[in-house]
Amino acid sequence: MGWPFGKKRKKRGTEAPSSDAERSPSDEQVGGRREFFRLGFGRMKDGGIDALRAVAKASHAMQEALDGVEDEAAGEALEAERRRFAQEAELAKQRKQGQRRVFRGVIRPPGAIDERRFLATCDGCKKCIEACPEDAIVASTEAVRSGRLGTPLLRVQSIPCALCHDVPCASACPTGALEPVGHPDDVRIGRAVVFKSLCLNSQGEDCEICVDHCPLGERVMTRAADGFPVIDEETCTGCGQCVVRCPTYPAALHVSPR
């Protein structure tokens, strides 16, 4: 067997490159990939913008709702401030006339005398508290509004005055801080006030629970044409029975001290 003279032997490493191994992608393939990613990122961008628009819309709606609540709360705060200024003006007027009346910061038991004389007369014996069959009268635990620790008061927002027929709390007082009351209808411990914004009638519901449960009936509480309760401040006892039966929270009625 002879050598293959006349034939050129191929040097190692000089073989022609394989078309599959070193073939570079065509411009058409590169363009297709770029188009794919461009469309994909475009859709992601559009979806993100839509999501941001939805969040902005929801935030705007929430802000409008909060503005409505703040406006309502501001109106009630202004009304409370107006009543406070009216009380201060009345107090200044009475002082000018030589009357030394002090407005109560809390609701005292039935028959309570003028607040200044009450604080000077009541010795905190708790006889009125023991005489109350409903446990509605409690001893004060602070002196900021009550004037002195241990003095009796009612929290009619939670436990109303039952307007007992013989008013035993007033009769039990040995010091004269509570004067006897002839009839429960003559009790004047506070005045009920209606907050229309909290009343179910402001929400289109037909409610007259407070009117139905007023112990003095139409002499004190009636219902107006718009459905809201109307209270006669002169005849209202301030017992709080309308407050505890109000189905809203917080209650649409509040009792202010006289």
C-alpha atoms as a PDB file:
ATOM      1  CA  MET A   1       0.000   0.000   0.000  1.00  0.00           C
ATOM      2  CA  GLY A   2       1.632   3.232  -1.039  1.00  0.00           C
ATOM      3  CA  TRP A   3       1.455   6.781   0.220  1.00  0.00           C
ATOM      4  CA  PRO A   4      -1.247   8.983  -1.282  1.00  0.00           C
ATOM      5  CA  PHE A   5       1.223  11.146  -3.251  1.00  0.00           C
ATOM      6  CA  GLY A   6      -0.266  14.006  -5.161  1.00  0.00           C
ATOM      7  CA  LYS A   7      -3.079  14.568  -2.649  1.00  0.00           C
ATOM      8  CA  LYS A   8      -2.942  17.476  -0.271  1.00  0.00           C
ATOM      9  CA  ARG A   9      -3.640  16.530   3.283  1.00  0.00           C
ATOM     10  CA  LYS A  10      -5.874  18.883   5.224  1.00  0.00           C
ATOM     11  CA  LYS A  11      -4.305  20.523   8.185  1.00  0.00           C
ATOM     12  CA  ARG A  12      -5.992  19.984  11.498  1.00  0.00           C
ATOM     13  CA  GLY A  13      -8.046  22.948  12.479  1.00  0.00           C
ATOM     14  CA  THR A  14      -8.498  24.270   8.979  1.00  0.00           C
ATOM     15  CA  GLU A  15     -11.759  22.506   8.267  1.00  0.00           C
ATOM     16  CA  ALA A  16     -14.581  24.652   6.989  1.00  0.00           C
ATOM     17  CA  PRO A  17     -16.877  25.799   9.755  1.00  0.00           C
ATOM     18  CA  SER A  18     -20.138  24.030  10.146  1.00  0.00           C
ATOM     19  CA  SER A  19     -23.060  26.050   8.953  1.00  0.00           C
ATOM     20  CA  ASP A  20     -25.145  25.060  11.994  1.00  0.00           C
ATOM     21  CA  ALA A  21     -22.413  25.790  14.598  1.00  0.00           C
ATOM     22  CA  GLU A  22     -21.267  29.237  13.490  1.00  0.00           C
ATOM     23  CA  ARG A  23     -24.170  30.512  11.520  1.00  0.00           C
ATOM     24  CA  SER A  24     -25.087  34.023  12.756  1.00  0.00           C
ATOM     25  CA  PRO A  25     -28.755  34.938  13.174  1.00  0.00           C
ATOM     26  CA  SER A  26     -30.239  36.682  10.200  1.00  0.00           C
ATOM     27  CA  ASP A  27     -31.538  40.218  10.288  1.00  0.00           C
ATOM     28  CA  GLU A  28     -35.028  38.816   9.956  1.00  0.00           C
ATOM     29  CA  GLN A  29     -34.672  36.746  13.147  1.00  0.00           C
ATOM     30  CA  VAL A  30     -33.235  39.680  15.115  1.00  0.00           C
ATOM     31  CA  GLY A  31     -36.001  41.958  13.937  1.00  0.00           C
ATOM     32  CA  GLY A  32     -38.634  39.423  14.953  1.00  0.00           C
ATOM     33  CA  ARG A  33     -37.283  39.180  18.489  1.00  0.00           C
ATOM     34  CA  ARG A  34     -37.062  42.930  18.845  1.00  0.00           C
ATOM     35  CA  GLU A  35     -40.642  43.281  17.682  1.00  0.00           C
ATOM     36  CA  PHE A  36     -41.752  40.621  20.159  1.00  0.00           C
ATOM     37  CA  PHE A  37     -40.112  42.364  23.143  1.00  0.00           C
ATOM     38  CA  ARG A  38     -41.287  45.789  21.962  1.00  0.00           C
ATOM     39  CA  LEU A  39     -44.885  44.613  21.867  1.00  0.00           C
ATOM     40  CA  GLY A  40     -44.534  42.832  25.208  1.00  0.00           C
ATOM     41  CA  PHE A  41     -43.120  45.875  27.004  1.00  0.00           C
ATOM     42  CA  GLY A  42     -45.721  48.073  25.354  1.00  0.00           C
ATOM     43  CA  ARG A  43     -48.531  45.941  26.720  1.00  0.00           C
ATOM     44  CA  MET A  44     -46.950  45.937  30.182  1.00  0.00           C
ATOM     45  CA  LYS A  45     -46.691  49.722  30.050  1.00  0.00           C
ATOM     46  CA  ASP A  46     -50.321  50.113  28.962  1.00  0.00           C
ATOM     47  CA  GLY A  47     -51.467  47.770  31.760  1.00  0.00           C
ATOM     48  CA  GLY A  48     -49.472  49.735  34.356  1.00  0.00           C
ATOM     49  CA  ILE A  49     -50.978  53.028  33.202  1.00  0.00           C
ATOM     50  CA  ASP A  50     -54.494  51.562  33.403  1.00  0.00           C
ATOM     51  CA  ALA A  51     -53.800  50.321  36.946  1.00  0.00           C
ATOM     52  CA  LEU A  52     -52.497  53.742  38.003  1.00  0.00           C
ATOM     53  CA  ARG A  53     -55.585  55.394  36.539  1.00  0.00           C
ATOM     54  CA  ALA A  54     -57.837  52.995  38.493  1.00  0.00           C
ATOM     55  CA  VAL A  55     -55.962  53.747  41.738  1.00  0.00           C
ATOM     56  CA  ALA A  56     -56.224  57.489  41.110  1.00  0.00           C
ATOM     57  CA  LYS A  57     -59.960  57.200  40.466  1.00  0.00           C
ATOM     58  CA  ALA A  58     -60.526  55.199  43.671  1.00  0.00           C
ATOM     59  CA  SER A  59     -58.408  57.671  45.646  1.00  0.00           C
ATOM     60  CA  HIS A  60     -60.450  60.567  44.292  1.00  0.00           C
ATOM     61  CA  ALA A  61     -63.724  58.869  45.287  1.00  0.00           C
ATOM     62  CA  MET A  62     -62.374  58.130  48.778  1.00  0.00           C
ATOM     63  CA  GLN A  63     -61.269  61.750  49.187  1.00  0.00           C
ATOM     64  CA  GLU A  64     -64.736  62.992  48.215  1.00  0.00           C
ATOM     65  CA  ALA A  65     -66.304  60.678  50.829  1.00  0.00           C
ATOM     66  CA  LEU A  66     -63.861  61.873  53.504  1.00  0.00           C
ATOM     67  CA  ASP A  67     -64.568  65.492  52.594  1.00  0.00           C
ATOM     68  CA  GLY A  68     -68.291  64.845  53.135  1.00  0.00           C
ATOM     69  CA  VAL A  69     -67.683  63.312  56.569  1.00  0.00           C
ATOM     70  CA  GLU A  70     -65.361  66.160  57.544  1.00  0.00           C
ATOM     71  CA  ASP A  71     -67.908  68.771  56.443  1.00  0.00           C
ATOM     72  CA  GLU A  72     -70.625  67.067  58.499  1.00  0.00           C
ATOM     73  CA  ALA A  73     -68.390  66.795  61.567  1.00  0.00           C
ATOM     74  CA  ALA A  74     -67.357  70.424  61.149  1.00  0.00           C
ATOM     75  CA  GLY A  75     -71.010  71.486  61.050  1.00  0.00           C
ATOM     76  CA  GLU A  76     -71.785  69.634  64.266  1.00  0.00           C
ATOM     77  CA  ALA A  77     -68.675  71.069  65.914  1.00  0.00           C
ATOM     78  CA  LEU A  78     -69.740  74.595  64.924  1.00  0.00           C
ATOM     79  CA  GLU A  79     -73.206  73.981  66.345  1.00  0.00           C
ATOM     80  CA  ALA A  80     -71.726  72.729  69.631  1.00  0.00           C
ATOM     81  CA  GLU A  81     -69.469  75.794  69.729  1.00  0.00           C
ATOM     82  CA  ARG A  82     -72.477  78.039  69.106  1.00  0.00           C
ATOM     83  CA  ARG A  83     -74.330  76.499  72.051  1.00  0.00           C
ATOM     84  CA  ARG A  84     -71.261  76.930  74.238  1.00  0.00           C
ATOM     85  CA  PHE A  85     -70.990  80.613  73.338  1.00  0.00           C
ATOM     86  CA  ALA A  86     -74.716  81.024  74.024  1.00  0.00           C
ATOM     87  CA  GLN A  87     -74.283  79.476  77.471  1.00  0.00           C
ATOM     88  CA  GLU A  88     -71.322  81.720  78.234  1.00  0.00           C
ATOM     89  CA  ALA A  89     -73.288  84.761  77.086  1.00  0.00           C
ATOM     90  CA  GLU A  90     -76.201  83.774  79.302  1.00  0.00           C
ATOM     91  CA  LEU A  91     -73.877  83.236  82.238  1.00  0.00           C
ATOM     92  CA  ALA A  92     -72.309  86.662  81.700  1.00  0.00           C
ATOM     93  CA  LYS A  93     -75.755  88.200  81.497  1.00  0.00           C
ATOM     94  CA  GLN A  94     -76.845  86.587  84.773  1.00  0.00           C
ATOM     95  CA  ARG A  95     -73.631  87.656  86.489  1.00  0.00           C
ATOM     96  CA  LYS A  96     -74.266  91.196  85.333  1.00  0.00           C
ATOM     97  CA  GLN A  97     -77.739  90.997  86.840  1.00  0.00           C
ATOM     98  CA  GLY A  98     -76.257  89.785  90.122  1.00  0.00           C
ATOM     99  CA  GLN A  99     -77.286  86.127  89.738  1.00  0.00           C
ATOM    100  CA  ARG A 100     -74.495  83.711  90.643  1.00  0.00           C
ATOM    101  CA  ARG A 101     -75.732  80.674  88.757  1.00  0.00           C
ATOM    102  CA  VAL A 102     -73.207  78.078  87.578  1.00  0.00           C
ATOM    103  CA  PHE A 103     -73.978  75.824  84.613  1.00  0.00           C
ATOM    104  CA  ARG A 104     -73.733  72.149  85.377  1.00  0.00           C
ATOM    105  CA  GLY A 105     -70.971  70.157  83.764  1.00  0.00           C
ATOM    106  CA  VAL A 106     -72.763  66.883  84.519  1.00  0.00           C
ATOM    107  CA  ILE A 107     -76.331  65.659  84.934  1.00  0.00           C
ATOM    108  CA  ARG A 108     -77.336  65.667  88.599  1.00  0.00           C
ATOM    109  CA  PRO A 109     -80.109  63.535  90.121  1.00  0.00           C
ATOM    110  CA  PRO A 110     -83.693  64.836  90.065  1.00  0.00           C
ATOM    111  CA  GLY A 111     -84.355  67.745  92.408  1.00  0.00           C
ATOM    112  CA  ALA A 112     -80.776  69.074  92.359  1.00  0.00           C
ATOM    113  CA  ILE A 113     -80.521  72.721  93.393  1.00  0.00           C
ATOM    114  CA  ASP A 114     -78.325  75.356  91.740  1.00  0.00           C
ATOM    115  CA  GLU A 115     -74.890  73.875  91.037  1.00  0.00           C
ATOM    116  CA  ARG A 116     -72.937  76.257  93.228  1.00  0.00           C
ATOM    117  CA  ARG A 117     -75.219  75.615  96.211  1.00  0.00           C
ATOM    118  CA  PHE A 118     -75.324  71.916  95.333  1.00  0.00           C
ATOM    119  CA  LEU A 119     -71.537  71.584  95.615  1.00  0.00           C
ATOM    120  CA  ALA A 120     -71.599  73.519  98.883  1.00  0.00           C
ATOM    121  CA  THR A 121     -74.479  71.432 100.313  1.00  0.00           C
ATOM    122  CA  CYS A 122     -73.860  67.862  99.111  1.00  0.00           C
ATOM    123  CA  ASP A 123     -71.586  65.934 101.466  1.00  0.00           C
ATOM    124  CA  GLY A 124     -71.293  62.797  99.292  1.00  0.00           C
ATOM    125  CA  CYS A 125     -73.289  60.582 101.645  1.00  0.00           C
ATOM    126  CA  LYS A 126     -74.538  58.449  98.709  1.00  0.00           C
ATOM    127  CA  LYS A 127     -78.083  58.202 100.100  1.00  0.00           C
ATOM    128  CA  CYS A 128     -79.518  59.109  96.694  1.00  0.00           C
ATOM    129  CA  ILE A 129     -77.331  56.471  95.027  1.00  0.00           C
ATOM    130  CA  GLU A 130     -78.609  53.792  97.399  1.00  0.00           C
ATOM    131  CA  ALA A 131     -82.226  54.896  96.898  1.00  0.00           C
ATOM    132  CA  CYS A 132     -82.138  54.602  93.078  1.00  0.00           C
ATOM    133  CA  PRO A 133     -83.838  51.301  92.111  1.00  0.00           C
ATOM    134  CA  GLU A 134     -82.264  51.317  88.638  1.00  0.00           C
ATOM    135  CA  ASP A 135     -78.656  51.964  89.755  1.00  0.00           C
ATOM    136  CA  ALA A 136     -78.675  54.946  87.389  1.00  0.00           C
ATOM    137  CA  ILE A 137     -77.012  57.321  89.873  1.00  0.00           C
ATOM    138  CA  VAL A 138     -73.275  56.919  90.422  1.00  0.00           C
ATOM    139  CA  ALA A 139     -70.581  58.749  92.379  1.00  0.00           C
ATOM    140  CA  SER A 140     -68.262  60.938  90.347  1.00  0.00           C
ATOM    141  CA  THR A 141     -64.729  59.650  89.916  1.00  0.00           C
ATOM    142  CA  GLU A 142     -63.267  62.963  88.693  1.00  0.00           C
ATOM    143  CA  ALA A 143     -63.597  66.611  89.621  1.00  0.00           C
ATOM    144  CA  VAL A 144     -62.988  68.322  86.294  1.00  0.00           C
ATOM    145  CA  ARG A 145     -66.660  68.500  85.299  1.00  0.00           C
ATOM    146  CA  SER A 146     -68.408  67.305  88.446  1.00  0.00           C
ATOM    147  CA  GLY A 147     -66.813  69.890  90.723  1.00  0.00           C
ATOM    148  CA  ARG A 148     -65.924  67.381  93.439  1.00  0.00           C
ATOM    149  CA  LEU A 149     -65.150  63.693  93.703  1.00  0.00           C
ATOM    150  CA  GLY A 150     -67.908  61.508  95.065  1.00  0.00           C
ATOM    151  CA  THR A 151     -70.793  63.816  94.151  1.00  0.00           C
ATOM    152  CA  PRO A 152     -73.775  62.012  92.553  1.00  0.00           C
ATOM    153  CA  LEU A 153     -74.488  62.177  88.851  1.00  0.00           C
ATOM    154  CA  LEU A 154     -76.288  60.289  86.096  1.00  0.00           C
ATOM    155  CA  ARG A 155     -74.883  58.892  82.865  1.00  0.00           C
ATOM    156  CA  VAL A 156     -78.153  58.843  80.954  1.00  0.00           C
ATOM    157  CA  GLN A 157     -76.380  58.019  77.707  1.00  0.00           C
ATOM    158  CA  SER A 158     -76.030  54.448  78.995  1.00  0.00           C
ATOM    159  CA  ILE A 159     -78.489  54.113  81.919  1.00  0.00           C
ATOM    160  CA  PRO A 160     -81.528  56.421  81.721  1.00  0.00           C
ATOM    161  CA  CYS A 161     -83.456  57.887  84.624  1.00  0.00           C
ATOM    162  CA  ALA A 162     -86.569  55.737  85.152  1.00  0.00           C
ATOM    163  CA  LEU A 163     -88.655  58.727  86.357  1.00  0.00           C
ATOM    164  CA  CYS A 164     -89.895  56.769  89.368  1.00  0.00           C
ATOM    165  CA  HIS A 165     -93.378  57.780  90.489  1.00  0.00           C
ATOM    166  CA  ASP A 166     -92.205  58.830  93.974  1.00  0.00           C
ATOM    167  CA  VAL A 167     -88.716  60.077  92.916  1.00  0.00           C
ATOM    168  CA  PRO A 168     -87.018  58.271  95.862  1.00  0.00           C
ATOM    169  CA  CYS A 169     -83.549  59.689  95.196  1.00  0.00           C
ATOM    170  CA  ALA A 170     -84.667  63.257  95.841  1.00  0.00           C
ATOM    171  CA  SER A 171     -86.597  62.265  98.968  1.00  0.00           C
ATOM    172  CA  ALA A 172     -83.587  60.390 100.374  1.00  0.00           C
ATOM    173  CA  CYS A 173     -81.256  63.411 100.375  1.00  0.00           C
ATOM    174  CA  PRO A 174     -80.605  64.491 104.020  1.00  0.00           C
ATOM    175  CA  THR A 175     -78.722  67.717 103.225  1.00  0.00           C
ATOM    176  CA  GLY A 176     -81.109  69.541 100.908  1.00  0.00           C
ATOM    177  CA  ALA A 177     -78.820  69.284  97.857  1.00  0.00           C
ATOM    178  CA  LEU A 178     -81.743  67.446  96.241  1.00  0.00           C
ATOM    179  CA  GLU A 179     -85.163  68.944  96.822  1.00  0.00           C
ATOM    180  CA  PRO A 180     -88.275  66.711  96.791  1.00  0.00           C
ATOM    181  CA  VAL A 181     -90.001  66.439  93.397  1.00  0.00           C
ATOM    182  CA  GLY A 182     -93.794  66.213  93.472  1.00  0.00           C
ATOM    183  CA  HIS A 183     -94.266  64.347  90.189  1.00  0.00           C
ATOM    184  CA  PRO A 184     -91.935  62.600  87.730  1.00  0.00           C
ATOM    185  CA  ASP A 185     -93.141  64.926  84.967  1.00  0.00           C
ATOM    186  CA  ASP A 186     -91.595  67.796  86.923  1.00  0.00           C
ATOM    187  CA  VAL A 187     -88.081  66.321  86.705  1.00  0.00           C
ATOM    188  CA  ARG A 188     -85.693  68.628  84.821  1.00  0.00           C
ATOM    189  CA  ILE A 189     -82.232  67.102  84.806  1.00  0.00           C
ATOM    190  CA  GLY A 190     -81.320  67.830  81.173  1.00  0.00           C
ATOM    191  CA  ARG A 191     -82.436  68.467  77.608  1.00  0.00           C
ATOM    192  CA  ALA A 192     -82.376  65.972  74.746  1.00  0.00           C
ATOM    193  CA  VAL A 193     -80.771  67.174  71.507  1.00  0.00           C
ATOM    194  CA  VAL A 194     -81.123  65.545  68.066  1.00  0.00           C
ATOM    195  CA  PHE A 195     -78.186  65.156  65.657  1.00  0.00           C
ATOM    196  CA  LYS A 196     -79.944  64.827  62.307  1.00  0.00           C
ATOM    197  CA  SER A 197     -76.838  63.673  60.462  1.00  0.00           C
ATOM    198  CA  LEU A 198     -76.780  60.497  62.605  1.00  0.00           C
ATOM    199  CA  CYS A 199     -80.532  59.854  62.482  1.00  0.00           C
ATOM    200  CA  LEU A 200     -81.721  56.971  60.294  1.00  0.00           C
ATOM    201  CA  ASN A 201     -84.240  59.322  58.689  1.00  0.00           C
ATOM    202  CA  SER A 202     -81.335  61.181  57.091  1.00  0.00           C
ATOM    203  CA  GLN A 203     -80.475  57.914  55.314  1.00  0.00           C
ATOM    204  CA  GLY A 204     -83.965  57.453  53.913  1.00  0.00           C
ATOM    205  CA  GLU A 205     -85.084  54.956  56.571  1.00  0.00           C
ATOM    206  CA  ASP A 206     -88.375  55.354  58.400  1.00  0.00           C
ATOM    207  CA  CYS A 207     -87.545  55.352  62.130  1.00  0.00           C
ATOM    208  CA  GLU A 208     -89.525  56.735  65.085  1.00  0.00           C
ATOM    209  CA  ILE A 209     -88.240  54.569  67.932  1.00  0.00           C
ATOM    210  CA  CYS A 210     -87.236  57.553  70.077  1.00  0.00           C
ATOM    211  CA  VAL A 211     -90.677  59.149  69.667  1.00  0.00           C
ATOM    212  CA  ASP A 212     -92.420  55.899  70.621  1.00  0.00           C
ATOM    213  CA  HIS A 213     -90.339  55.481  73.798  1.00  0.00           C
ATOM    214  CA  CYS A 214     -90.532  58.993  75.213  1.00  0.00           C
ATOM    215  CA  PRO A 215     -92.229  58.530  78.626  1.00  0.00           C
ATOM    216  CA  LEU A 216     -94.061  61.862  78.308  1.00  0.00           C
ATOM    217  CA  GLY A 217     -95.151  61.271  74.735  1.00  0.00           C
ATOM    218  CA  GLU A 218     -96.216  64.140  72.515  1.00  0.00           C
ATOM    219  CA  ARG A 219     -95.824  66.648  75.322  1.00  0.00           C
ATOM    220  CA  VAL A 220     -92.090  66.360  74.789  1.00  0.00           C
ATOM    221  CA  MET A 221     -91.332  64.640  71.495  1.00  0.00           C
ATOM    222  CA  THR A 222     -93.154  64.680  68.180  1.00  0.00           C
ATOM    223  CA  ARG A 223     -92.223  63.848  64.610  1.00  0.00           C
ATOM    224  CA  ALA A 224     -91.884  66.492  61.925  1.00  0.00           C
ATOM    225  CA  ALA A 225     -92.998  66.142  58.314  1.00  0.00           C
ATOM    226  CA  ASP A 226     -89.438  65.292  57.265  1.00  0.00           C
ATOM    227  CA  GLY A 227     -89.383  62.354  59.728  1.00  0.00           C
ATOM    228  CA  PHE A 228     -86.955  63.834  62.251  1.00  0.00           C
ATOM    229  CA  PRO A 229     -87.925  64.023  65.953  1.00  0.00           C
ATOM    230  CA  VAL A 230     -88.761  67.431  67.401  1.00  0.00           C
ATOM    231  CA  ILE A 231     -88.150  68.010  71.137  1.00  0.00           C
ATOM    232  CA  ASP A 232     -89.811  70.585  73.383  1.00  0.00           C
ATOM    233  CA  GLU A 233     -86.897  71.781  75.527  1.00  0.00           C
ATOM    234  CA  GLU A 234     -89.156  73.230  78.219  1.00  0.00           C
ATOM    235  CA  THR A 235     -90.997  69.993  78.968  1.00  0.00           C
ATOM    236  CA  CYS A 236     -88.134  67.539  78.291  1.00  0.00           C
ATOM    237  CA  THR A 237     -87.053  65.854  81.517  1.00  0.00           C
ATOM    238  CA  GLY A 238     -83.643  64.786  80.157  1.00  0.00           C
ATOM    239  CA  CYS A 239     -84.234  61.220  81.329  1.00  0.00           C
ATOM    240  CA  GLY A 240     -82.328  59.737  78.375  1.00  0.00           C
ATOM    241  CA  GLN A 241     -84.798  56.961  77.571  1.00  0.00           C
ATOM    242  CA  CYS A 242     -84.891  58.087  73.945  1.00  0.00           C
ATOM    243  CA  VAL A 243     -81.072  58.004  73.799  1.00  0.00           C
ATOM    244  CA  VAL A 244     -80.562  54.412  74.959  1.00  0.00           C
ATOM    245  CA  ARG A 245     -83.203  53.137  72.523  1.00  0.00           C
ATOM    246  CA  CYS A 246     -81.780  54.896  69.483  1.00  0.00           C
ATOM    247  CA  PRO A 247     -80.575  52.152  67.070  1.00  0.00           C
ATOM    248  CA  THR A 248     -77.673  54.154  65.627  1.00  0.00           C
ATOM    249  CA  TYR A 249     -74.108  54.208  66.932  1.00  0.00           C
ATOM    250  CA  PRO A 250     -73.264  56.720  68.126  1.00  0.00           C
ATOM    251  CA  ALA A 251     -76.808  57.621  69.137  1.00  0.00           C
ATOM    252  CA  ALA A 252     -78.533  60.348  67.170  1.00  0.00           C
ATOM    253  CA  LEU A 253     -79.707  61.884  70.456  1.00  0.00           C
ATOM    254  CA  HIS A 254     -77.725  63.360  73.325  1.00  0.00           C
ATOM    255  CA  VAL A 255     -78.771  64.782  76.689  1.00  0.00           C
ATOM    256  CA  SER A 256     -77.139  68.053  77.751  1.00  0.00           C
ATOM    257  CA  PRO A 257     -77.193  69.198  81.384  1.00  0.00           C
ATOM    258  CA  ARG A 258     -79.555  72.036  82.309  1.00  0.00           C
END
